Amino acid sequence: SHHSYTDQGGEESEDYESEEQLQQRILTAALEFVPAHGWTGDAIAE
């Protein structure tokens, strides 16, 4: 399974990581925004 997505800069790329790996990357990146947004969906969105 893989997903094709286009980032906010308009670049399209093929993502071969699993859904769980993608979620882990998002959650890790979200930790930077916890001090400002708390443990919320807003931090995950950021």
ModelCIF file with pLDDT and N, C-alpha, C, O atoms, coordinates in Angstrom:
data_MODEL
#
_entry.id   MODEL 
#
_entity.id                         1 
_entity.type                       polymer 
_entity.pdbx_number_of_molecules   1 
#
_entity_poly.entity_id                      1 
_entity_poly.type                           'polypeptide(L)' 
_entity_poly.nstd_linkage                   no 
_entity_poly.nstd_monomer                   no 
_entity_poly.pdbx_seq_one_letter_code       SHHSYTDQGGEESEDYESEEQLQQRILTAALEFVPAHGWTGDAIAE 
_entity_poly.pdbx_seq_one_letter_code_can   SHHSYTDQGGEESEDYESEEQLQQRILTAALEFVPAHGWTGDAIAE 
_entity_poly.pdbx_strand_id                 A 
#
loop_
_entity_poly_seq.entity_id 
_entity_poly_seq.num 
_entity_poly_seq.mon_id 
_entity_poly_seq.hetero 
1 1  SER n 
1 2  HIS n 
1 3  HIS n 
1 4  SER n 
1 5  TYR n 
1 6  THR n 
1 7  ASP n 
1 8  GLN n 
1 9  GLY n 
1 10 GLY n 
1 11 GLU n 
1 12 GLU n 
1 13 SER n 
1 14 GLU n 
1 15 ASP n 
1 16 TYR n 
1 17 GLU n 
1 18 SER n 
1 19 GLU n 
1 20 GLU n 
1 21 GLN n 
1 22 LEU n 
1 23 GLN n 
1 24 GLN n 
1 25 ARG n 
1 26 ILE n 
1 27 LEU n 
1 28 THR n 
1 29 ALA n 
1 30 ALA n 
1 31 LEU n 
1 32 GLU n 
1 33 PHE n 
1 34 VAL n 
1 35 PRO n 
1 36 ALA n 
1 37 HIS n 
1 38 GLY n 
1 39 TRP n 
1 40 THR n 
1 41 GLY n 
1 42 ASP n 
1 43 ALA n 
1 44 ILE n 
1 45 ALA n 
1 46 GLU n 
#
_struct_asym.id          A 
_struct_asym.entity_id   1 
#
loop_
_ma_qa_metric.id 
_ma_qa_metric.mode 
_ma_qa_metric.name 
_ma_qa_metric.software_group_id 
_ma_qa_metric.type 
1 global pLDDT . pLDDT 
2 local  pLDDT . pLDDT 
#
_ma_qa_metric_global.metric_id      1 
_ma_qa_metric_global.metric_value   79.70 
_ma_qa_metric_global.model_id       1 
_ma_qa_metric_global.ordinal_id     1 
#
loop_
_ma_qa_metric_local.label_asym_id 
_ma_qa_metric_local.label_comp_id 
_ma_qa_metric_local.label_seq_id 
_ma_qa_metric_local.metric_id 
_ma_qa_metric_local.metric_value 
_ma_qa_metric_local.model_id 
_ma_qa_metric_local.ordinal_id 
A SER 1  2 41.00 1 1  
A HIS 2  2 46.00 1 2  
A HIS 3  2 47.00 1 3  
A SER 4  2 46.00 1 4  
A TYR 5  2 47.00 1 5  
A THR 6  2 47.00 1 6  
A ASP 7  2 51.00 1 7  
A GLN 8  2 52.00 1 8  
A GLY 9  2 53.00 1 9  
A GLY 10 2 51.00 1 10 
A GLU 11 2 52.00 1 11 
A GLU 12 2 45.00 1 12 
A SER 13 2 50.00 1 13 
A GLU 14 2 53.00 1 14 
A ASP 15 2 49.00 1 15 
A TYR 16 2 70.00 1 16 
A GLU 17 2 81.00 1 17 
A SER 18 2 90.00 1 18 
A GLU 19 2 89.00 1 19 
A GLU 20 2 92.00 1 20 
A GLN 21 2 93.00 1 21 
A LEU 22 2 94.00 1 22 
A GLN 23 2 95.00 1 23 
A GLN 24 2 96.00 1 24 
A ARG 25 2 96.00 1 25 
A ILE 26 2 97.00 1 26 
A LEU 27 2 98.00 1 27 
A THR 28 2 98.00 1 28 
A ALA 29 2 98.00 1 29 
A ALA 30 2 98.00 1 30 
A LEU 31 2 98.00 1 31 
A GLU 32 2 97.00 1 32 
A PHE 33 2 98.00 1 33 
A VAL 34 2 98.00 1 34 
A PRO 35 2 97.00 1 35 
A ALA 36 2 97.00 1 36 
A HIS 37 2 97.00 1 37 
A GLY 38 2 97.00 1 38 
A TRP 39 2 98.00 1 39 
A THR 40 2 96.00 1 40 
A GLY 41 2 95.00 1 41 
A ASP 42 2 96.00 1 42 
A ALA 43 2 97.00 1 43 
A ILE 44 2 97.00 1 44 
A ALA 45 2 96.00 1 45 
A GLU 46 2 97.00 1 46 
#
loop_
_atom_site.group_PDB 
_atom_site.id 
_atom_site.type_symbol 
_atom_site.label_atom_id 
_atom_site.label_alt_id 
_atom_site.label_comp_id 
_atom_site.label_asym_id 
_atom_site.label_entity_id 
_atom_site.label_seq_id 
_atom_site.pdbx_PDB_ins_code 
_atom_site.Cartn_x 
_atom_site.Cartn_y 
_atom_site.Cartn_z 
_atom_site.occupancy 
_atom_site.B_iso_or_equiv 
_atom_site.pdbx_formal_charge 
_atom_site.auth_seq_id 
_atom_site.auth_comp_id 
_atom_site.auth_asym_id 
_atom_site.auth_atom_id 
_atom_site.pdbx_PDB_model_num 
ATOM 1   N N  . SER A 1 1  ? 0.831  -1.192 0.000  1.00 41.00 ? 1  SER A N  1 
ATOM 2   C CA . SER A 1 1  ? 0.000  0.000  0.000  1.00 41.00 ? 1  SER A CA 1 
ATOM 3   C C  . SER A 1 1  ? 0.867  1.242  0.000  1.00 41.00 ? 1  SER A C  1 
ATOM 4   O O  . SER A 1 1  ? 1.862  1.319  0.720  1.00 41.00 ? 1  SER A O  1 
ATOM 5   N N  . HIS A 1 2  ? 0.477  2.229  -0.823 1.00 46.00 ? 2  HIS A N  1 
ATOM 6   C CA . HIS A 1 2  ? 1.170  3.502  -0.816 1.00 46.00 ? 2  HIS A CA 1 
ATOM 7   C C  . HIS A 1 2  ? 0.189  4.580  -1.225 1.00 46.00 ? 2  HIS A C  1 
ATOM 8   O O  . HIS A 1 2  ? -0.839 4.310  -1.845 1.00 46.00 ? 2  HIS A O  1 
ATOM 9   N N  . HIS A 1 3  ? 0.530  5.809  -0.863 1.00 47.00 ? 3  HIS A N  1 
ATOM 10  C CA . HIS A 1 3  ? -0.352 6.914  -1.135 1.00 47.00 ? 3  HIS A CA 1 
ATOM 11  C C  . HIS A 1 3  ? 0.387  7.964  -1.932 1.00 47.00 ? 3  HIS A C  1 
ATOM 12  O O  . HIS A 1 3  ? 1.581  8.191  -1.732 1.00 47.00 ? 3  HIS A O  1 
ATOM 13  N N  . SER A 1 4  ? -0.331 8.600  -2.837 1.00 46.00 ? 4  SER A N  1 
ATOM 14  C CA . SER A 1 4  ? 0.222  9.727  -3.576 1.00 46.00 ? 4  SER A CA 1 
ATOM 15  C C  . SER A 1 4  ? -0.376 10.982 -2.999 1.00 46.00 ? 4  SER A C  1 
ATOM 16  O O  . SER A 1 4  ? -1.597 11.083 -2.879 1.00 46.00 ? 4  SER A O  1 
ATOM 17  N N  . TYR A 1 5  ? 0.460  11.955 -2.634 1.00 47.00 ? 5  TYR A N  1 
ATOM 18  C CA . TYR A 1 5  ? -0.057 13.191 -2.093 1.00 47.00 ? 5  TYR A CA 1 
ATOM 19  C C  . TYR A 1 5  ? 0.755  14.356 -2.622 1.00 47.00 ? 5  TYR A C  1 
ATOM 20  O O  . TYR A 1 5  ? 1.902  14.198 -3.040 1.00 47.00 ? 5  TYR A O  1 
ATOM 21  N N  . THR A 1 6  ? 0.157  15.495 -2.598 1.00 47.00 ? 6  THR A N  1 
ATOM 22  C CA . THR A 1 6  ? 0.811  16.711 -3.033 1.00 47.00 ? 6  THR A CA 1 
ATOM 23  C C  . THR A 1 6  ? 0.980  17.627 -1.844 1.00 47.00 ? 6  THR A C  1 
ATOM 24  O O  . THR A 1 6  ? 0.002  17.939 -1.165 1.00 47.00 ? 6  THR A O  1 
ATOM 25  N N  . ASP A 1 7  ? 2.207  18.069 -1.572 1.00 51.00 ? 7  ASP A N  1 
ATOM 26  C CA . ASP A 1 7  ? 2.431  18.916 -0.403 1.00 51.00 ? 7  ASP A CA 1 
ATOM 27  C C  . ASP A 1 7  ? 1.963  20.333 -0.688 1.00 51.00 ? 7  ASP A C  1 
ATOM 28  O O  . ASP A 1 7  ? 1.498  20.641 -1.785 1.00 51.00 ? 7  ASP A O  1 
ATOM 29  N N  . GLN A 1 8  ? 2.094  21.198 0.326  1.00 52.00 ? 8  GLN A N  1 
ATOM 30  C CA . GLN A 1 8  ? 1.571  22.541 0.198  1.00 52.00 ? 8  GLN A CA 1 
ATOM 31  C C  . GLN A 1 8  ? 2.364  23.363 -0.807 1.00 52.00 ? 8  GLN A C  1 
ATOM 32  O O  . GLN A 1 8  ? 1.887  24.412 -1.239 1.00 52.00 ? 8  GLN A O  1 
ATOM 33  N N  . GLY A 1 9  ? 3.537  22.932 -1.187 1.00 53.00 ? 9  GLY A N  1 
ATOM 34  C CA . GLY A 1 9  ? 4.315  23.626 -2.194 1.00 53.00 ? 9  GLY A CA 1 
ATOM 35  C C  . GLY A 1 9  ? 3.959  23.193 -3.602 1.00 53.00 ? 9  GLY A C  1 
ATOM 36  O O  . GLY A 1 9  ? 4.512  23.721 -4.567 1.00 53.00 ? 9  GLY A O  1 
ATOM 37  N N  . GLY A 1 10 ? 3.038  22.235 -3.740 1.00 51.00 ? 10 GLY A N  1 
ATOM 38  C CA . GLY A 1 10 ? 2.608  21.781 -5.044 1.00 51.00 ? 10 GLY A CA 1 
ATOM 39  C C  . GLY A 1 10 ? 3.392  20.611 -5.575 1.00 51.00 ? 10 GLY A C  1 
ATOM 40  O O  . GLY A 1 10 ? 3.183  20.197 -6.716 1.00 51.00 ? 10 GLY A O  1 
ATOM 41  N N  . GLU A 1 11 ? 4.311  20.054 -4.761 1.00 52.00 ? 11 GLU A N  1 
ATOM 42  C CA . GLU A 1 11 ? 5.120  18.929 -5.210 1.00 52.00 ? 11 GLU A CA 1 
ATOM 43  C C  . GLU A 1 11 ? 4.405  17.624 -4.920 1.00 52.00 ? 11 GLU A C  1 
ATOM 44  O O  . GLU A 1 11 ? 3.977  17.374 -3.793 1.00 52.00 ? 11 GLU A O  1 
ATOM 45  N N  . GLU A 1 12 ? 4.279  16.787 -5.955 1.00 45.00 ? 12 GLU A N  1 
ATOM 46  C CA . GLU A 1 12 ? 3.623  15.499 -5.798 1.00 45.00 ? 12 GLU A CA 1 
ATOM 47  C C  . GLU A 1 12 ? 4.675  14.425 -5.647 1.00 45.00 ? 12 GLU A C  1 
ATOM 48  O O  . GLU A 1 12 ? 5.653  14.397 -6.394 1.00 45.00 ? 12 GLU A O  1 
ATOM 49  N N  . SER A 1 13 ? 4.484  13.556 -4.701 1.00 50.00 ? 13 SER A N  1 
ATOM 50  C CA . SER A 1 13 ? 5.454  12.492 -4.482 1.00 50.00 ? 13 SER A CA 1 
ATOM 51  C C  . SER A 1 13 ? 4.747  11.209 -4.115 1.00 50.00 ? 13 SER A C  1 
ATOM 52  O O  . SER A 1 13 ? 3.606  11.228 -3.653 1.00 50.00 ? 13 SER A O  1 
ATOM 53  N N  . GLU A 1 14 ? 5.421  10.098 -4.321 1.00 53.00 ? 14 GLU A N  1 
ATOM 54  C CA . GLU A 1 14 ? 4.886  8.788  -3.972 1.00 53.00 ? 14 GLU A CA 1 
ATOM 55  C C  . GLU A 1 14 ? 5.391  8.408  -2.585 1.00 53.00 ? 14 GLU A C  1 
ATOM 56  O O  . GLU A 1 14 ? 6.598  8.370  -2.346 1.00 53.00 ? 14 GLU A O  1 
ATOM 57  N N  . ASP A 1 15 ? 4.476  8.132  -1.684 1.00 49.00 ? 15 ASP A N  1 
ATOM 58  C CA . ASP A 1 15 ? 4.818  7.815  -0.297 1.00 49.00 ? 15 ASP A CA 1 
ATOM 59  C C  . ASP A 1 15 ? 4.618  6.322  -0.079 1.00 49.00 ? 15 ASP A C  1 
ATOM 60  O O  . ASP A 1 15 ? 3.488  5.835  -0.110 1.00 49.00 ? 15 ASP A O  1 
ATOM 61  N N  . TYR A 1 16 ? 5.700  5.599  0.140  1.00 70.00 ? 16 TYR A N  1 
ATOM 62  C CA . TYR A 1 16 ? 5.614  4.154  0.290  1.00 70.00 ? 16 TYR A CA 1 
ATOM 63  C C  . TYR A 1 16 ? 5.631  3.714  1.741  1.00 70.00 ? 16 TYR A C  1 
ATOM 64  O O  . TYR A 1 16 ? 5.652  2.512  2.006  1.00 70.00 ? 16 TYR A O  1 
ATOM 65  N N  . GLU A 1 17 ? 5.624  4.628  2.683  1.00 81.00 ? 17 GLU A N  1 
ATOM 66  C CA . GLU A 1 17 ? 5.595  4.240  4.076  1.00 81.00 ? 17 GLU A CA 1 
ATOM 67  C C  . GLU A 1 17 ? 4.192  3.767  4.444  1.00 81.00 ? 17 GLU A C  1 
ATOM 68  O O  . GLU A 1 17 ? 3.210  4.141  3.803  1.00 81.00 ? 17 GLU A O  1 
ATOM 69  N N  . SER A 1 18 ? 4.114  2.959  5.458  1.00 90.00 ? 18 SER A N  1 
ATOM 70  C CA . SER A 1 18 ? 2.823  2.446  5.892  1.00 90.00 ? 18 SER A CA 1 
ATOM 71  C C  . SER A 1 18 ? 2.034  3.551  6.585  1.00 90.00 ? 18 SER A C  1 
ATOM 72  O O  . SER A 1 18 ? 2.570  4.603  6.933  1.00 90.00 ? 18 SER A O  1 
ATOM 73  N N  . GLU A 1 19 ? 0.759  3.283  6.771  1.00 89.00 ? 19 GLU A N  1 
ATOM 74  C CA . GLU A 1 19 ? -0.090 4.259  7.459  1.00 89.00 ? 19 GLU A CA 1 
ATOM 75  C C  . GLU A 1 19 ? 0.426  4.508  8.884  1.00 89.00 ? 19 GLU A C  1 
ATOM 76  O O  . GLU A 1 19 ? 0.449  5.646  9.355  1.00 89.00 ? 19 GLU A O  1 
ATOM 77  N N  . GLU A 1 20 ? 0.833  3.437  9.555  1.00 92.00 ? 20 GLU A N  1 
ATOM 78  C CA . GLU A 1 20 ? 1.323  3.596  10.920 1.00 92.00 ? 20 GLU A CA 1 
ATOM 79  C C  . GLU A 1 20 ? 2.605  4.419  10.960 1.00 92.00 ? 20 GLU A C  1 
ATOM 80  O O  . GLU A 1 20 ? 2.787  5.244  11.856 1.00 92.00 ? 20 GLU A O  1 
ATOM 81  N N  . GLN A 1 21 ? 3.494  4.200  9.993  1.00 93.00 ? 21 GLN A N  1 
ATOM 82  C CA . GLN A 1 21 ? 4.728  4.984  9.945  1.00 93.00 ? 21 GLN A CA 1 
ATOM 83  C C  . GLN A 1 21 ? 4.429  6.458  9.702  1.00 93.00 ? 21 GLN A C  1 
ATOM 84  O O  . GLN A 1 21 ? 5.068  7.332  10.287 1.00 93.00 ? 21 GLN A O  1 
ATOM 85  N N  . LEU A 1 22 ? 3.469  6.726  8.848  1.00 94.00 ? 22 LEU A N  1 
ATOM 86  C CA . LEU A 1 22 ? 3.076  8.111  8.593  1.00 94.00 ? 22 LEU A CA 1 
ATOM 87  C C  . LEU A 1 22 ? 2.518  8.752  9.858  1.00 94.00 ? 22 LEU A C  1 
ATOM 88  O O  . LEU A 1 22 ? 2.824  9.905  10.162 1.00 94.00 ? 22 LEU A O  1 
ATOM 89  N N  . GLN A 1 23 ? 1.711  8.014  10.581 1.00 95.00 ? 23 GLN A N  1 
ATOM 90  C CA . GLN A 1 23 ? 1.146  8.534  11.816 1.00 95.00 ? 23 GLN A CA 1 
ATOM 91  C C  . GLN A 1 23 ? 2.242  8.828  12.846 1.00 95.00 ? 23 GLN A C  1 
ATOM 92  O O  . GLN A 1 23 ? 2.186  9.831  13.558 1.00 95.00 ? 23 GLN A O  1 
ATOM 93  N N  . GLN A 1 24 ? 3.241  7.938  12.913 1.00 96.00 ? 24 GLN A N  1 
ATOM 94  C CA . GLN A 1 24 ? 4.339  8.162  13.843 1.00 96.00 ? 24 GLN A CA 1 
ATOM 95  C C  . GLN A 1 24 ? 5.103  9.440  13.490 1.00 96.00 ? 24 GLN A C  1 
ATOM 96  O O  . GLN A 1 24 ? 5.496  10.195 14.379 1.00 96.00 ? 24 GLN A O  1 
ATOM 97  N N  . ARG A 1 25 ? 5.309  9.679  12.218 1.00 96.00 ? 25 ARG A N  1 
ATOM 98  C CA . ARG A 1 25 ? 6.018  10.892 11.793 1.00 96.00 ? 25 ARG A CA 1 
ATOM 99  C C  . ARG A 1 25 ? 5.219  12.137 12.144 1.00 96.00 ? 25 ARG A C  1 
ATOM 100 O O  . ARG A 1 25 ? 5.781  13.137 12.592 1.00 96.00 ? 25 ARG A O  1 
ATOM 101 N N  . ILE A 1 26 ? 3.929  12.077 11.943 1.00 97.00 ? 26 ILE A N  1 
ATOM 102 C CA . ILE A 1 26 ? 3.075  13.227 12.260 1.00 97.00 ? 26 ILE A CA 1 
ATOM 103 C C  . ILE A 1 26 ? 3.087  13.506 13.757 1.00 97.00 ? 26 ILE A C  1 
ATOM 104 O O  . ILE A 1 26 ? 3.210  14.657 14.176 1.00 97.00 ? 26 ILE A O  1 
ATOM 105 N N  . LEU A 1 27 ? 2.957  12.444 14.571 1.00 98.00 ? 27 LEU A N  1 
ATOM 106 C CA . LEU A 1 27 ? 2.936  12.622 16.021 1.00 98.00 ? 27 LEU A CA 1 
ATOM 107 C C  . LEU A 1 27 ? 4.264  13.160 16.537 1.00 98.00 ? 27 LEU A C  1 
ATOM 108 O O  . LEU A 1 27 ? 4.290  14.009 17.428 1.00 98.00 ? 27 LEU A O  1 
ATOM 109 N N  . THR A 1 28 ? 5.371  12.665 15.976 1.00 98.00 ? 28 THR A N  1 
ATOM 110 C CA . THR A 1 28 ? 6.684  13.161 16.392 1.00 98.00 ? 28 THR A CA 1 
ATOM 111 C C  . THR A 1 28 ? 6.830  14.640 16.058 1.00 98.00 ? 28 THR A C  1 
ATOM 112 O O  . THR A 1 28 ? 7.329  15.420 16.868 1.00 98.00 ? 28 THR A O  1 
ATOM 113 N N  . ALA A 1 29 ? 6.393  15.020 14.866 1.00 98.00 ? 29 ALA A N  1 
ATOM 114 C CA . ALA A 1 29 ? 6.470  16.425 14.475 1.00 98.00 ? 29 ALA A CA 1 
ATOM 115 C C  . ALA A 1 29 ? 5.550  17.295 15.328 1.00 98.00 ? 29 ALA A C  1 
ATOM 116 O O  . ALA A 1 29 ? 5.847  18.465 15.570 1.00 98.00 ? 29 ALA A O  1 
ATOM 117 N N  . ALA A 1 30 ? 4.440  16.730 15.781 1.00 98.00 ? 30 ALA A N  1 
ATOM 118 C CA . ALA A 1 30 ? 3.462  17.494 16.571 1.00 98.00 ? 30 ALA A CA 1 
ATOM 119 C C  . ALA A 1 30 ? 3.983  17.863 17.949 1.00 98.00 ? 30 ALA A C  1 
ATOM 120 O O  . ALA A 1 30 ? 3.517  18.837 18.539 1.00 98.00 ? 30 ALA A O  1 
ATOM 121 N N  . LEU A 1 31 ? 4.948  17.099 18.481 1.00 98.00 ? 31 LEU A N  1 
ATOM 122 C CA . LEU A 1 31 ? 5.455  17.373 19.830 1.00 98.00 ? 31 LEU A CA 1 
ATOM 123 C C  . LEU A 1 31 ? 6.029  18.783 19.939 1.00 98.00 ? 31 LEU A C  1 
ATOM 124 O O  . LEU A 1 31 ? 5.989  19.387 21.011 1.00 98.00 ? 31 LEU A O  1 
ATOM 125 N N  . GLU A 1 32 ? 6.556  19.304 18.850 1.00 97.00 ? 32 GLU A N  1 
ATOM 126 C CA . GLU A 1 32 ? 7.123  20.656 18.853 1.00 97.00 ? 32 GLU A CA 1 
ATOM 127 C C  . GLU A 1 32 ? 6.069  21.715 19.156 1.00 97.00 ? 32 GLU A C  1 
ATOM 128 O O  . GLU A 1 32 ? 6.392  22.794 19.652 1.00 97.00 ? 32 GLU A O  1 
ATOM 129 N N  . PHE A 1 33 ? 4.815  21.407 18.858 1.00 98.00 ? 33 PHE A N  1 
ATOM 130 C CA . PHE A 1 33 ? 3.748  22.387 19.004 1.00 98.00 ? 33 PHE A CA 1 
ATOM 131 C C  . PHE A 1 33 ? 2.913  22.183 20.268 1.00 98.00 ? 33 PHE A C  1 
ATOM 132 O O  . PHE A 1 33 ? 1.955  22.920 20.500 1.00 98.00 ? 33 PHE A O  1 
ATOM 133 N N  . VAL A 1 34 ? 3.268  21.192 21.086 1.00 98.00 ? 34 VAL A N  1 
ATOM 134 C CA . VAL A 1 34 ? 2.532  20.939 22.322 1.00 98.00 ? 34 VAL A CA 1 
ATOM 135 C C  . VAL A 1 34 ? 2.625  22.107 23.305 1.00 98.00 ? 34 VAL A C  1 
ATOM 136 O O  . VAL A 1 34 ? 1.607  22.476 23.889 1.00 98.00 ? 34 VAL A O  1 
ATOM 137 N N  . PRO A 1 35 ? 3.811  22.708 23.513 1.00 97.00 ? 35 PRO A N  1 
ATOM 138 C CA . PRO A 1 35 ? 3.866  23.835 24.453 1.00 97.00 ? 35 PRO A CA 1 
ATOM 139 C C  . PRO A 1 35 ? 2.908  24.967 24.111 1.00 97.00 ? 35 PRO A C  1 
ATOM 140 O O  . PRO A 1 35 ? 2.433  25.665 25.007 1.00 97.00 ? 35 PRO A O  1 
ATOM 141 N N  . ALA A 1 36 ? 2.618  25.159 22.828 1.00 97.00 ? 36 ALA A N  1 
ATOM 142 C CA . ALA A 1 36 ? 1.726  26.240 22.415 1.00 97.00 ? 36 ALA A CA 1 
ATOM 143 C C  . ALA A 1 36 ? 0.267  25.807 22.343 1.00 97.00 ? 36 ALA A C  1 
ATOM 144 O O  . ALA A 1 36 ? -0.626 26.581 22.687 1.00 97.00 ? 36 ALA A O  1 
ATOM 145 N N  . HIS A 1 37 ? 0.018  24.581 21.899 1.00 97.00 ? 37 HIS A N  1 
ATOM 146 C CA . HIS A 1 37 ? -1.362 24.122 21.660 1.00 97.00 ? 37 HIS A CA 1 
ATOM 147 C C  . HIS A 1 37 ? -1.835 23.053 22.633 1.00 97.00 ? 37 HIS A C  1 
ATOM 148 O O  . HIS A 1 37 ? -3.010 22.685 22.614 1.00 97.00 ? 37 HIS A O  1 
ATOM 149 N N  . GLY A 1 38 ? -0.951 22.549 23.479 1.00 97.00 ? 38 GLY A N  1 
ATOM 150 C CA . GLY A 1 38 ? -1.341 21.475 24.381 1.00 97.00 ? 38 GLY A CA 1 
ATOM 151 C C  . GLY A 1 38 ? -1.424 20.146 23.664 1.00 97.00 ? 38 GLY A C  1 
ATOM 152 O O  . GLY A 1 38 ? -1.055 20.027 22.495 1.00 97.00 ? 38 GLY A O  1 
ATOM 153 N N  . TRP A 1 39 ? -1.916 19.142 24.385 1.00 98.00 ? 39 TRP A N  1 
ATOM 154 C CA . TRP A 1 39 ? -2.046 17.792 23.808 1.00 98.00 ? 39 TRP A CA 1 
ATOM 155 C C  . TRP A 1 39 ? -3.385 17.712 23.097 1.00 98.00 ? 39 TRP A C  1 
ATOM 156 O O  . TRP A 1 39 ? -4.328 17.089 23.585 1.00 98.00 ? 39 TRP A O  1 
ATOM 157 N N  . THR A 1 40 ? -3.453 18.349 21.942 1.00 96.00 ? 40 THR A N  1 
ATOM 158 C CA . THR A 1 40 ? -4.720 18.514 21.230 1.00 96.00 ? 40 THR A CA 1 
ATOM 159 C C  . THR A 1 40 ? -4.578 18.170 19.755 1.00 96.00 ? 40 THR A C  1 
ATOM 160 O O  . THR A 1 40 ? -3.483 17.931 19.246 1.00 96.00 ? 40 THR A O  1 
ATOM 161 N N  . GLY A 1 41 ? -5.723 18.154 19.092 1.00 95.00 ? 41 GLY A N  1 
ATOM 162 C CA . GLY A 1 41 ? -5.723 17.947 17.655 1.00 95.00 ? 41 GLY A CA 1 
ATOM 163 C C  . GLY A 1 41 ? -5.065 19.098 16.912 1.00 95.00 ? 41 GLY A C  1 
ATOM 164 O O  . GLY A 1 41 ? -4.546 18.912 15.811 1.00 95.00 ? 41 GLY A O  1 
ATOM 165 N N  . ASP A 1 42 ? -5.083 20.287 17.506 1.00 96.00 ? 42 ASP A N  1 
ATOM 166 C CA . ASP A 1 42 ? -4.434 21.431 16.871 1.00 96.00 ? 42 ASP A CA 1 
ATOM 167 C C  . ASP A 1 42 ? -2.931 21.211 16.749 1.00 96.00 ? 42 ASP A C  1 
ATOM 168 O O  . ASP A 1 42 ? -2.326 21.550 15.733 1.00 96.00 ? 42 ASP A O  1 
ATOM 169 N N  . ALA A 1 43 ? -2.327 20.633 17.806 1.00 97.00 ? 43 ALA A N  1 
ATOM 170 C CA . ALA A 1 43 ? -0.889 20.347 17.754 1.00 97.00 ? 43 ALA A CA 1 
ATOM 171 C C  . ALA A 1 43 ? -0.594 19.318 16.675 1.00 97.00 ? 43 ALA A C  1 
ATOM 172 O O  . ALA A 1 43 ? 0.408  19.421 15.967 1.00 97.00 ? 43 ALA A O  1 
ATOM 173 N N  . ILE A 1 44 ? -1.473 18.320 16.549 1.00 97.00 ? 44 ILE A N  1 
ATOM 174 C CA . ILE A 1 44 ? -1.282 17.296 15.514 1.00 97.00 ? 44 ILE A CA 1 
ATOM 175 C C  . ILE A 1 44 ? -1.420 17.904 14.128 1.00 97.00 ? 44 ILE A C  1 
ATOM 176 O O  . ILE A 1 44 ? -0.658 17.569 13.222 1.00 97.00 ? 44 ILE A O  1 
ATOM 177 N N  . ALA A 1 45 ? -2.389 18.795 13.959 1.00 96.00 ? 45 ALA A N  1 
ATOM 178 C CA . ALA A 1 45 ? -2.572 19.453 12.672 1.00 96.00 ? 45 ALA A CA 1 
ATOM 179 C C  . ALA A 1 45 ? -1.344 20.285 12.303 1.00 96.00 ? 45 ALA A C  1 
ATOM 180 O O  . ALA A 1 45 ? -0.934 20.316 11.143 1.00 96.00 ? 45 ALA A O  1 
ATOM 181 N N  . GLU A 1 46 ? -0.764 20.958 13.295 1.00 97.00 ? 46 GLU A N  1 
ATOM 182 C CA . GLU A 1 46 ? 0.444  21.745 13.051 1.00 97.00 ? 46 GLU A CA 1 
ATOM 183 C C  . GLU A 1 46 ? 1.614  20.824 12.688 1.00 97.00 ? 46 GLU A C  1 
ATOM 184 O O  . GLU A 1 46 ? 2.723  21.301 12.446 1.00 97.00 ? 46 GLU A O  1 
#
